[in-house]
């Protein structure tokens, strides 16, 4: 039995939901809202609430407002070296391009939402460390330390995804927790809309994956039709952005708080409206407004699909799960044995318990051996990947490093577009790059890049503009294929050999 706390932060309030996860399922014990202020009276009230509920050492899962984060969907070309480690290197550069902060001043995380043969679609979130520090400092007043900090939109998606299915319990322990069919509809573009008080969360789900997120405030003083018109406008703009012909369904949660919203949306949008009872299987007293707090807990427990964690980013995402799978198998075996104990009656209870203990002791060496083997395999994989990366470094990363080394310190890059392998007549290149930026002297950039073994046919593709003390430029260069660079290096060595021989002859004559 585990006690959990789901805490949803908003701009001016926090919601604390007390959960308990046992073999029979997850249960919501209580939920309370407090102002988000470091006021002595408020701090005392929260402490009293935690003490009265007996909350001490439970795991802590937190969601923070979308407004505090930068959330963006982006697409990256697949590199030769696949995997989360290779993608992490590209994502750090990609995220830095889209945030108005230094990369070291934010915490970030990302999730792959779609992968194709040539590209991968990723959603990332970045939060300034100052916002996270404020959350941690507030929780430390109650001796609480978060295990996971996620974003409200992702937490709400996790909560909606679990509508209509059992949450937690022995299924979660055994690793077979199911999910609803809401987000599994292939060949469809659907919208989810969650409404609570003055907030609304919208997500677009295409082929079972989230491809767009939007959250906004609701003006309570406006009539219902005005809100419906706003939703219709949002959806029209989204269609243009995602290049879709239309939507199939709209999943509506929290609509009971806004009477008449379902009929008004159906009349305005002309699509199928499907009401969703969020967290309807969560055992416990009926509570509203807990989607973000419970969704954060689902993310931390590994039940929700949209697991974004804003705590210190870790580059090592791929860990061996063999030992964890074995533990879950053993847990299922134990559960069946325990069920057998109760079925045979109290008279045989002691005998069955002893047999369980003997079985566990007998299998303990094999489990430890498998865990060690799993650890060794993971270590060898890390070594193999490291050596492979040294031998075959990704072209895109080589290009980024070469541009950084070649360009002078008085030159700033505002945009760098990289296109993959292309053919120009009979000449094959690694593609091309288009660089935009500002420089003290843009004319010298052509020669600097031409002198590099990585680039050729460097030309300006736009006029040079004077911007204060800098010159705005945009230039294009073809990338030289590795084979051609290797041939060039061999030719350079061959050209040097006659010179060496000539010098050697001169030295013998002089002697």
Protein backbone atom coordinates (compact mmCIF):
# COMPACT_ATOMS: atom_id res chain seq x y z
CA UNK A 1 0.00 0.00 0.00
CA UNK A 2 1.46 3.36 -1.05
CA UNK A 3 0.37 6.86 -0.19
CA UNK A 4 0.73 9.50 -2.89
CA UNK A 5 0.30 13.24 -3.10
CA UNK A 6 -0.68 14.90 -6.36
CA UNK A 7 -0.15 18.66 -6.19
CA UNK A 8 -1.35 20.97 -8.98
CA UNK A 9 0.12 24.47 -8.93
CA UNK A 10 -1.70 27.37 -10.56
CA UNK A 11 -0.80 31.03 -10.72
CA UNK A 12 -2.67 31.83 -7.50
CA UNK A 13 -3.59 28.46 -5.92
CA UNK A 14 -2.53 24.88 -5.32
CA UNK A 15 -4.68 21.73 -5.22
CA UNK A 16 -3.48 18.88 -2.99
CA UNK A 17 -4.98 15.45 -3.67
CA UNK A 18 -4.26 12.60 -1.28
CA UNK A 19 -4.21 9.19 -3.01
CA UNK A 20 -3.66 5.65 -1.82
CA UNK A 21 -2.66 2.85 -4.16
CA UNK A 22 -3.27 -0.73 -2.96
CA UNK A 23 -3.84 -4.11 -4.58
CA UNK A 24 -7.54 -3.35 -4.87
CA UNK A 25 -6.91 -0.16 -6.85
CA UNK A 26 -6.19 3.52 -6.46
CA UNK A 27 -8.38 5.54 -4.11
CA UNK A 28 -8.74 9.30 -3.73
CA UNK A 29 -8.87 10.02 0.00
CA UNK A 30 -9.18 13.80 -0.03
CA UNK A 31 -8.59 16.95 -2.05
CA UNK A 32 -8.20 20.55 -0.91
CA UNK A 33 -7.33 23.89 -2.52
CA UNK A 34 -5.20 26.61 -0.91
CA UNK A 35 -3.88 30.01 -2.06
CA UNK A 36 -0.37 29.85 -3.49
CA UNK A 37 1.25 32.32 -1.09
CA UNK A 38 4.04 32.14 1.47
CA UNK A 39 1.72 33.62 4.07
CA UNK A 40 2.11 32.34 7.66
CA UNK A 41 -1.62 31.70 7.98
CA UNK A 42 -1.75 29.74 4.71
CA UNK A 43 1.38 27.77 5.57
CA UNK A 44 -0.17 26.80 8.92
CA UNK A 45 -3.43 25.77 7.23
CA UNK A 46 -1.61 23.49 4.77
CA UNK A 47 0.48 21.95 7.53
CA UNK A 48 -2.65 21.28 9.57
CA UNK A 49 -4.33 19.67 6.54
CA UNK A 50 -1.36 17.37 5.88
CA UNK A 51 -1.12 16.46 9.56
CA UNK A 52 -4.84 15.80 9.91
CA UNK A 53 -4.82 13.50 6.88
CA UNK A 54 -1.80 11.63 8.25
CA UNK A 55 0.34 12.45 5.20
CA UNK A 56 3.99 11.90 6.04
CA UNK A 57 6.32 10.12 3.66
CA UNK A 58 4.23 9.55 0.54
CA UNK A 59 5.62 10.10 -2.93
CA UNK A 60 5.06 13.61 -4.30
CA UNK A 61 3.99 14.34 -7.90
CA UNK A 62 3.56 17.94 -9.06
CA UNK A 63 2.06 19.70 -12.07
CA UNK A 64 2.78 23.34 -12.92
CA UNK A 65 0.89 25.76 -15.22
CA UNK A 66 1.46 25.70 -18.97
CA UNK A 67 2.13 29.42 -18.71
CA UNK A 68 5.39 28.73 -16.88
CA UNK A 69 6.69 26.52 -19.68
CA UNK A 70 7.61 26.73 -23.34
CA UNK A 71 5.94 23.77 -25.09
CA UNK A 72 6.64 23.09 -28.75
CA UNK A 73 6.19 20.29 -31.25
CA UNK A 74 9.08 19.98 -33.67
CA UNK A 75 10.32 17.56 -36.31
CA UNK A 76 13.91 16.36 -36.68
CA UNK A 77 15.56 14.25 -39.38
CA UNK A 78 16.54 10.77 -38.27
CA UNK A 79 20.29 10.42 -37.78
CA UNK A 80 22.39 7.40 -38.69
CA UNK A 81 22.87 6.67 -35.01
CA UNK A 82 19.36 6.24 -33.61
CA UNK A 83 18.29 6.14 -29.99
CA UNK A 84 17.48 8.60 -27.22
CA UNK A 85 21.14 9.45 -26.56
CA UNK A 86 21.76 10.60 -30.14
CA UNK A 87 18.43 12.43 -30.16
CA UNK A 88 19.26 14.14 -26.87
CA UNK A 89 22.29 15.81 -28.43
CA UNK A 90 20.21 17.20 -31.29
CA UNK A 91 17.37 18.21 -28.95
CA UNK A 92 19.65 20.35 -26.80
CA UNK A 93 20.59 22.38 -29.87
CA UNK A 94 16.98 22.43 -31.14
CA UNK A 95 15.54 23.58 -27.79
CA UNK A 96 18.14 26.34 -27.50
CA UNK A 97 16.91 27.73 -30.83
CA UNK A 98 13.34 28.06 -29.56
CA UNK A 99 13.77 29.52 -26.06
CA UNK A 100 14.62 33.11 -25.07
CA UNK A 101 16.95 31.84 -22.33
CA UNK A 102 20.35 30.24 -22.05
CA UNK A 103 19.97 26.46 -22.16
CA UNK A 104 21.71 26.15 -18.79
CA UNK A 105 19.06 28.41 -17.21
CA UNK A 106 16.18 25.98 -17.90
CA UNK A 107 15.19 22.42 -17.16
CA UNK A 108 13.78 20.57 -20.14
CA UNK A 109 12.42 17.22 -21.18
CA UNK A 110 11.01 15.79 -24.40
CA UNK A 111 8.93 12.90 -25.70
CA UNK A 112 8.79 11.24 -29.10
CA UNK A 113 5.19 11.38 -30.36
CA UNK A 114 5.67 9.99 -33.87
CA UNK A 115 8.52 8.27 -35.72
CA UNK A 116 8.72 7.70 -39.45
CA UNK A 117 11.39 6.40 -41.82
CA UNK A 118 13.05 9.78 -42.38
CA UNK A 119 12.01 11.97 -39.45
CA UNK A 120 10.87 11.93 -35.85
CA UNK A 121 8.24 14.24 -34.32
CA UNK A 122 9.04 15.37 -30.78
CA UNK A 123 7.30 17.52 -28.18
CA UNK A 124 9.49 19.30 -25.66
CA UNK A 125 8.87 21.47 -22.62
CA UNK A 126 11.36 23.90 -21.06
CA UNK A 127 10.87 25.71 -17.75
CA UNK A 128 13.12 28.42 -16.24
CA UNK A 129 14.92 27.11 -13.19
CA UNK A 130 13.61 30.07 -11.17
CA UNK A 131 10.03 28.77 -11.47
CA UNK A 132 11.09 25.29 -10.35
CA UNK A 133 13.07 26.74 -7.46
CA UNK A 134 9.94 28.59 -6.30
CA UNK A 135 7.97 25.31 -6.31
CA UNK A 136 10.69 23.45 -4.42
CA UNK A 137 11.09 26.22 -1.84
CA UNK A 138 7.34 26.26 -1.20
CA UNK A 139 7.18 22.47 -0.76
CA UNK A 140 10.21 22.46 1.53
CA UNK A 141 8.18 24.45 4.05
CA UNK A 142 6.24 21.21 4.57
CA UNK A 143 9.27 18.89 4.26
CA UNK A 144 8.03 17.69 0.87
CA UNK A 145 10.33 16.86 -2.02
CA UNK A 146 8.80 16.20 -5.47
CA UNK A 147 9.58 12.99 -7.36
CA UNK A 148 8.18 14.38 -10.62
CA UNK A 149 7.30 17.87 -11.86
CA UNK A 150 5.24 17.83 -15.04
CA UNK A 151 3.16 20.35 -17.02
CA UNK A 152 -0.60 20.68 -16.47
CA UNK A 153 -1.57 19.93 -20.10
CA UNK A 154 0.33 16.62 -20.03
CA UNK A 155 -1.13 15.75 -16.62
CA UNK A 156 -4.68 16.39 -17.89
CA UNK A 157 -4.00 14.19 -20.94
CA UNK A 158 -2.85 11.37 -18.63
CA UNK A 159 -6.03 11.70 -16.55
CA UNK A 160 -8.29 11.69 -19.62
CA UNK A 161 -6.42 8.72 -21.10
CA UNK A 162 -7.37 6.62 -18.03
CA UNK A 163 -11.11 7.38 -18.24
CA UNK A 164 -13.26 4.28 -18.01
CA UNK A 165 -10.47 1.88 -16.95
CA UNK A 166 -9.23 0.67 -13.57
CA UNK A 167 -6.33 2.68 -12.17
CA UNK A 168 -3.45 1.26 -10.14
CA UNK A 169 -3.93 -1.83 -8.01
CA UNK A 170 -2.40 -5.19 -8.83
CA UNK A 171 -2.50 -4.40 -12.56
CA UNK A 172 -0.08 -1.50 -12.10
CA UNK A 173 2.18 -3.63 -9.89
CA UNK A 174 2.22 -6.38 -12.52
CA UNK A 175 2.87 -3.87 -15.32
CA UNK A 176 -0.34 -4.61 -17.26
CA UNK A 177 -2.32 -1.44 -16.54
CA UNK A 178 -4.67 -0.74 -19.43
CA UNK A 179 -5.72 2.53 -21.04
CA UNK A 180 -8.96 3.69 -22.57
CA UNK A 181 -9.61 3.61 -26.32
CA UNK A 182 -10.05 7.39 -26.56
CA UNK A 183 -6.57 8.04 -27.91
CA UNK A 184 -6.09 4.76 -29.81
CA UNK A 185 -8.24 5.59 -32.84
CA UNK A 186 -6.14 5.25 -35.99
CA UNK A 187 -6.76 7.25 -39.16
CA UNK A 188 -8.60 9.91 -37.11
CA UNK A 189 -7.93 13.48 -36.02
CA UNK A 190 -9.70 14.08 -32.71
CA UNK A 191 -9.84 16.90 -30.17
CA UNK A 192 -9.97 16.59 -26.38
CA UNK A 193 -11.37 19.51 -24.36
CA UNK A 194 -11.26 19.67 -20.55
CA UNK A 195 -13.11 22.50 -18.82
CA UNK A 196 -12.75 23.41 -15.15
CA UNK A 197 -13.87 26.73 -13.69
CA UNK A 198 -11.96 29.43 -15.62
CA UNK A 199 -9.52 27.11 -17.40
CA UNK A 200 -9.73 25.01 -20.54
CA UNK A 201 -7.23 22.51 -21.93
CA UNK A 202 -7.33 21.45 -25.57
CA UNK A 203 -5.29 18.74 -27.30
CA UNK A 204 -5.30 17.35 -30.84
CA UNK A 205 -4.83 13.59 -31.16
CA UNK A 206 -3.93 12.21 -34.60
CA UNK A 207 -3.51 8.46 -35.11
CA UNK A 208 -3.41 7.96 -31.35
CA UNK A 209 -0.65 10.52 -30.62
CA UNK A 210 -0.88 14.08 -29.33
CA UNK A 211 0.34 16.57 -31.95
CA UNK A 212 -0.93 19.89 -30.54
CA UNK A 213 -1.61 21.42 -27.10
CA UNK A 214 -3.43 24.61 -26.15
CA UNK A 215 -4.60 25.96 -22.78
CA UNK A 216 -6.51 29.19 -22.22
CA UNK A 217 -8.58 31.07 -19.67
CA UNK A 218 -12.37 31.31 -19.76
CA UNK A 219 -14.03 34.68 -19.23
CA UNK A 220 -16.94 33.88 -16.92
CA UNK A 221 -18.61 37.19 -17.79
CA UNK A 222 -19.02 36.22 -21.44
CA UNK A 223 -22.07 34.24 -22.61
CA UNK A 224 -21.83 30.56 -23.49
CA UNK A 225 -22.05 31.21 -27.25
CA UNK A 226 -19.00 33.49 -27.07
CA UNK A 227 -16.95 30.66 -25.55
CA UNK A 228 -18.21 28.24 -28.22
CA UNK A 229 -17.23 30.73 -30.96
CA UNK A 230 -13.74 30.96 -29.43
CA UNK A 231 -13.39 27.15 -29.46
CA UNK A 232 -14.49 27.04 -33.10
CA UNK A 233 -11.91 29.69 -34.01
CA UNK A 234 -9.15 27.82 -32.18
CA UNK A 235 -10.01 24.61 -34.01
CA UNK A 236 -10.12 26.32 -37.41
CA UNK A 237 -6.65 27.79 -36.83
CA UNK A 238 -5.33 24.42 -35.63
CA UNK A 239 -6.53 22.68 -38.80
CA UNK A 240 -4.48 25.06 -40.90
CA UNK A 241 -1.44 24.59 -38.70
CA UNK A 242 -1.50 20.78 -38.75
CA UNK A 243 -2.58 20.53 -42.42
CA UNK A 244 -5.70 18.46 -41.69
CA UNK A 245 -9.03 18.47 -43.55
CA UNK A 246 -11.22 18.28 -40.45
CA UNK A 247 -11.85 16.69 -37.07
CA UNK A 248 -13.66 13.39 -36.44
CA UNK A 249 -14.66 13.69 -32.76
CA UNK A 250 -14.44 16.05 -29.81
CA UNK A 251 -13.97 14.41 -26.39
CA UNK A 252 -15.53 16.73 -23.80
CA UNK A 253 -14.64 16.47 -20.09
CA UNK A 254 -15.88 18.78 -17.35
CA UNK A 255 -18.81 19.93 -19.48
CA UNK A 256 -21.21 19.59 -16.54
CA UNK A 257 -19.78 22.80 -15.09
CA UNK A 258 -21.02 24.66 -18.16
CA UNK A 259 -24.69 23.71 -18.85
CA UNK A 260 -25.61 23.51 -22.53
CA UNK A 261 -22.00 23.37 -23.74
CA UNK A 262 -22.35 19.95 -25.42
CA UNK A 263 -25.32 20.92 -27.60
CA UNK A 264 -23.82 24.32 -28.41
CA UNK A 265 -20.53 22.77 -29.55
CA UNK A 266 -22.29 20.15 -31.66
CA UNK A 267 -24.41 22.78 -33.40
CA UNK A 268 -21.46 25.10 -34.01
CA UNK A 269 -18.84 22.54 -35.05
CA UNK A 270 -21.02 19.92 -36.73
CA UNK A 271 -18.92 17.01 -35.41
CA UNK A 272 -19.53 14.18 -32.97
CA UNK A 273 -19.28 15.29 -29.31
CA UNK A 274 -18.35 12.46 -26.90
CA UNK A 275 -18.76 13.23 -23.16
CA UNK A 276 -15.95 11.83 -20.99
CA UNK A 277 -16.22 11.17 -17.25
CA UNK A 278 -12.62 11.75 -16.21
CA UNK A 279 -11.24 9.50 -13.46
CA UNK A 280 -14.67 7.88 -13.11
CA UNK A 281 -13.15 4.61 -11.84
CA UNK A 282 -11.03 6.32 -9.18
CA UNK A 283 -12.47 4.94 -5.98
CA UNK A 284 -13.29 7.44 -3.27
CA UNK A 285 -15.48 10.47 -2.66
CA UNK A 286 -16.61 12.46 -5.70
CA UNK A 287 -14.21 15.36 -6.23
CA UNK A 288 -13.88 17.85 -9.07
CA UNK A 289 -10.87 19.75 -10.32
CA UNK A 290 -8.35 17.02 -9.51
CA UNK A 291 -7.40 16.12 -13.11
CA UNK A 292 -4.04 17.93 -13.07
CA UNK A 293 -3.01 16.69 -9.61
CA UNK A 294 -4.02 13.05 -10.26
CA UNK A 295 -2.60 13.16 -13.79
CA UNK A 296 0.78 14.20 -12.37
CA UNK A 297 0.69 11.14 -10.08
CA UNK A 298 -0.18 8.87 -13.04
CA UNK A 299 2.81 10.25 -14.92
CA UNK A 300 5.12 9.59 -11.97
CA UNK A 301 3.84 6.04 -11.51
CA UNK A 302 4.47 5.27 -15.18
CA UNK A 303 0.76 4.72 -15.88
CA UNK A 304 0.19 7.79 -18.07
CA UNK A 305 1.65 7.88 -21.58
CA UNK A 306 2.69 11.54 -21.46
CA UNK A 307 5.57 11.36 -19.00
CA UNK A 308 7.34 14.71 -19.03
CA UNK A 309 9.55 15.39 -15.99
CA UNK A 310 10.97 18.88 -15.44
CA UNK A 311 13.36 17.80 -12.70
CA UNK A 312 17.02 17.70 -13.63
CA UNK A 313 17.22 16.38 -17.18
CA UNK A 314 18.95 13.04 -17.65
CA UNK A 315 20.51 12.09 -20.96
CA UNK A 316 20.58 8.33 -20.23
CA UNK A 317 17.03 7.28 -21.08
CA UNK A 318 17.65 3.68 -22.10
CA UNK A 319 17.97 1.36 -19.10
CA UNK A 320 17.61 -2.35 -18.98
CA UNK A 321 14.18 -3.49 -17.82
CA UNK A 322 14.90 -7.21 -17.57
CA UNK A 323 15.15 -7.22 -13.77
CA UNK A 324 11.95 -5.17 -13.48
CA UNK A 325 10.06 -7.62 -15.71
CA UNK A 326 11.30 -10.55 -13.64
CA UNK A 327 10.16 -8.83 -10.47
CA UNK A 328 6.68 -8.31 -11.95
CA UNK A 329 6.48 -11.97 -13.02
CA UNK A 330 7.43 -13.08 -9.54
CA UNK A 331 4.82 -10.69 -8.10
CA UNK A 332 2.09 -12.25 -10.24
CA UNK A 333 3.21 -15.71 -9.13
CA UNK A 334 3.04 -14.64 -5.49
CA UNK A 335 -0.44 -13.20 -6.00
CA UNK A 336 -1.74 -16.52 -7.36
CA UNK A 337 -0.15 -18.38 -4.47
CA UNK A 338 -1.73 -15.99 -1.98
CA UNK A 339 -5.12 -16.47 -3.65
CA UNK A 340 -4.62 -20.22 -3.31
CA UNK A 341 -3.93 -19.83 0.40
CA UNK A 342 -7.25 -18.08 1.02
CA UNK A 343 -9.13 -20.57 -1.17
CA UNK A 344 -7.89 -23.64 0.71
CA UNK A 345 -8.83 -22.29 4.10
CA UNK A 346 -7.11 -21.18 7.26
CA UNK A 347 -6.01 -24.71 8.15
CA UNK A 348 -3.47 -24.82 5.31
CA UNK A 349 -2.42 -21.18 5.61
CA UNK A 350 0.87 -21.82 7.36
CA UNK A 351 1.85 -24.56 4.91
CA UNK A 352 1.27 -22.39 1.86
CA UNK A 353 3.12 -19.44 3.37
CA UNK A 354 6.09 -21.66 4.05
CA UNK A 355 6.01 -22.94 0.46
CA UNK A 356 5.94 -19.36 -0.84
CA UNK A 357 8.97 -18.50 1.26
CA UNK A 358 10.82 -21.64 0.10
CA UNK A 359 10.06 -20.88 -3.56
CA UNK A 360 11.32 -17.33 -3.19
CA UNK A 361 14.54 -18.50 -1.53
CA UNK A 362 15.03 -21.18 -4.18
CA UNK A 363 14.63 -18.70 -7.05
CA UNK A 364 16.67 -15.94 -5.42
CA UNK A 365 20.08 -17.03 -6.91
CA UNK A 366 18.61 -17.25 -10.43
CA UNK A 367 17.00 -13.82 -10.11
CA UNK A 368 20.27 -12.28 -8.91
CA UNK A 369 22.17 -13.99 -11.74
CA UNK A 370 19.70 -12.62 -14.31
CA UNK A 371 19.94 -9.15 -12.80
CA UNK A 372 23.74 -9.28 -13.04
CA UNK A 373 23.56 -10.54 -16.63
CA UNK A 374 21.14 -7.74 -17.49
CA UNK A 375 23.50 -5.19 -15.94
CA UNK A 376 26.48 -6.61 -17.88
CA UNK A 377 24.53 -6.50 -21.16
CA UNK A 378 23.62 -2.88 -20.53
CA UNK A 379 27.28 -2.03 -19.78
CA UNK A 380 28.46 -3.70 -22.99
CA UNK A 381 25.79 -1.82 -24.94
CA UNK A 382 26.99 1.50 -23.53
CA UNK A 383 30.60 0.67 -24.47
CA UNK A 384 29.55 -0.48 -27.95
CA UNK A 385 27.51 2.66 -28.57
CA UNK A 386 30.38 4.84 -27.38
CA UNK A 387 32.88 3.19 -29.73
CA UNK A 388 30.41 3.34 -32.60
CA UNK A 389 29.84 7.03 -32.05
CA UNK A 390 33.59 7.65 -32.02
CA UNK A 391 33.98 5.76 -35.30
CA UNK A 392 30.93 7.17 -37.06
CA UNK A 393 30.06 10.56 -35.77
CA UNK A 394 26.80 11.94 -37.07
CA UNK A 395 27.12 14.30 -40.06
CA UNK A 396 24.75 16.85 -38.56
CA UNK A 397 26.79 17.13 -35.38
CA UNK A 398 30.02 17.37 -37.43
CA UNK A 399 28.55 20.24 -39.42
CA UNK A 400 27.45 22.11 -36.27
CA UNK A 401 30.92 21.71 -34.76
CA UNK A 402 32.66 22.79 -37.97
CA UNK A 403 30.48 25.92 -38.35
CA UNK A 404 31.21 26.84 -34.74
CA UNK A 405 34.97 26.44 -35.25
CA UNK A 406 35.17 28.22 -38.62
CA UNK A 407 33.07 31.33 -38.06
CA UNK A 408 34.78 34.21 -36.21
CA UNK A 409 33.68 35.38 -32.78
CA UNK A 410 32.12 38.59 -34.20
CA UNK A 411 29.57 36.51 -36.15
CA UNK A 412 26.16 35.47 -34.75
CA UNK A 413 23.98 32.75 -36.26
CA UNK A 414 20.23 33.28 -35.98
CA UNK A 415 19.13 30.32 -38.10
CA UNK A 416 20.75 27.20 -39.54
CA UNK A 417 18.77 24.90 -41.85
CA UNK A 418 20.25 21.50 -42.72
CA UNK A 419 18.97 19.33 -45.60
CA UNK A 420 19.96 15.69 -46.01
CA UNK A 421 21.88 13.85 -48.75
CA UNK A 422 21.26 15.21 -52.24
CA UNK A 423 22.62 14.68 -55.76
CA UNK A 424 23.66 17.45 -58.12
CA UNK A 425 24.19 15.84 -61.54
CA UNK A 426 26.80 13.12 -60.97
CA UNK A 427 28.16 14.76 -57.81
CA UNK A 428 26.81 13.43 -54.54
CA UNK A 429 26.96 15.58 -51.44
CA UNK A 430 25.86 15.23 -47.82
CA UNK A 431 23.25 17.88 -48.53
CA UNK A 432 23.36 21.60 -47.95
CA UNK A 433 23.06 24.19 -45.22
CA UNK A 434 21.55 27.66 -45.26
CA UNK A 435 22.93 29.99 -42.58
CA UNK A 436 21.43 33.35 -41.55
CA UNK A 437 22.90 35.76 -39.05
CA UNK A 438 24.91 38.91 -38.41
CA UNK A 439 28.64 39.56 -38.81
CA UNK A 440 31.05 42.45 -38.57
CA UNK A 441 32.27 41.58 -42.08
CA UNK A 442 30.05 39.13 -43.94
CA UNK A 443 32.20 39.18 -47.08
CA UNK A 444 34.99 37.20 -45.42
CA UNK A 445 32.64 34.36 -44.45
CA UNK A 446 32.70 32.96 -48.01
CA UNK A 447 36.44 32.32 -47.96
CA UNK A 448 36.41 30.97 -44.40
CA UNK A 449 33.80 28.39 -45.26
CA UNK A 450 35.38 27.55 -48.66
CA UNK A 451 38.70 26.81 -46.87
CA UNK A 452 36.95 24.22 -44.72
CA UNK A 453 37.02 20.62 -46.01
CA UNK A 454 33.32 20.36 -45.17
CA UNK A 455 31.87 23.00 -47.50
CA UNK A 456 31.99 24.01 -51.16
CA UNK A 457 30.14 26.35 -53.55
CA UNK A 458 29.47 28.83 -50.76
CA UNK A 459 27.32 31.71 -52.04
CA UNK A 460 25.11 34.46 -50.68
CA UNK A 461 21.44 33.78 -51.35
CA UNK A 462 20.14 37.19 -50.30
CA UNK A 463 21.25 40.79 -50.05
CA UNK A 464 23.55 41.89 -47.27
CA UNK A 465 21.70 44.28 -44.93
CA UNK A 466 23.31 46.77 -42.61
CA UNK A 467 21.86 46.42 -39.08
CA UNK A 468 23.46 48.90 -36.68
CA UNK A 469 27.13 47.85 -36.51
CA UNK A 470 26.56 44.42 -38.04
CA UNK A 471 25.78 43.09 -41.51
CA UNK A 472 22.83 40.78 -41.88
CA UNK A 473 23.60 37.89 -44.22
CA UNK A 474 22.14 34.67 -45.61
CA UNK A 475 24.36 32.18 -47.43
CA UNK A 476 24.19 28.63 -48.75
CA UNK A 477 26.85 25.93 -48.93
CA UNK A 478 26.97 22.35 -50.18
CA UNK A 479 28.40 19.76 -47.80
CA UNK A 480 31.31 17.66 -49.05
CA UNK A 481 30.68 13.92 -48.78
CA UNK A 482 32.99 11.90 -46.47
CA UNK A 483 34.29 9.93 -49.50
CA UNK A 484 35.36 13.11 -51.27
CA UNK A 485 37.00 14.45 -48.10
CA UNK A 486 38.94 11.19 -47.75
CA UNK A 487 40.10 11.39 -51.40
CA UNK A 488 41.16 15.00 -50.86
CA UNK A 489 43.22 14.02 -47.81
CA UNK A 490 44.93 11.21 -49.78
CA UNK A 491 45.68 13.59 -52.66
CA UNK A 492 47.22 16.09 -50.24
CA UNK A 493 49.52 13.42 -48.81
CA UNK A 494 50.48 12.20 -52.31
CA UNK A 495 51.27 15.76 -53.46
CA UNK A 496 53.60 16.20 -50.50
CA UNK A 497 55.68 13.05 -51.23
CA UNK A 498 57.73 14.48 -54.21
CA UNK A 499 58.62 17.47 -52.08
CA UNK A 500 59.88 15.21 -49.32
CA UNK A 501 61.92 13.15 -51.80
CA UNK A 502 63.38 16.32 -53.38
CA UNK A 503 64.46 17.64 -49.98
CA UNK A 504 66.02 14.29 -49.17
CA UNK A 505 68.06 14.40 -52.43
CA UNK A 506 69.22 17.93 -51.69
CA UNK A 507 70.39 16.85 -48.26
CA UNK A 508 72.40 13.90 -49.71
CA UNK A 509 74.07 16.22 -52.30
CA UNK A 510 75.00 18.68 -49.60
CA UNK A 511 76.62 15.90 -47.58
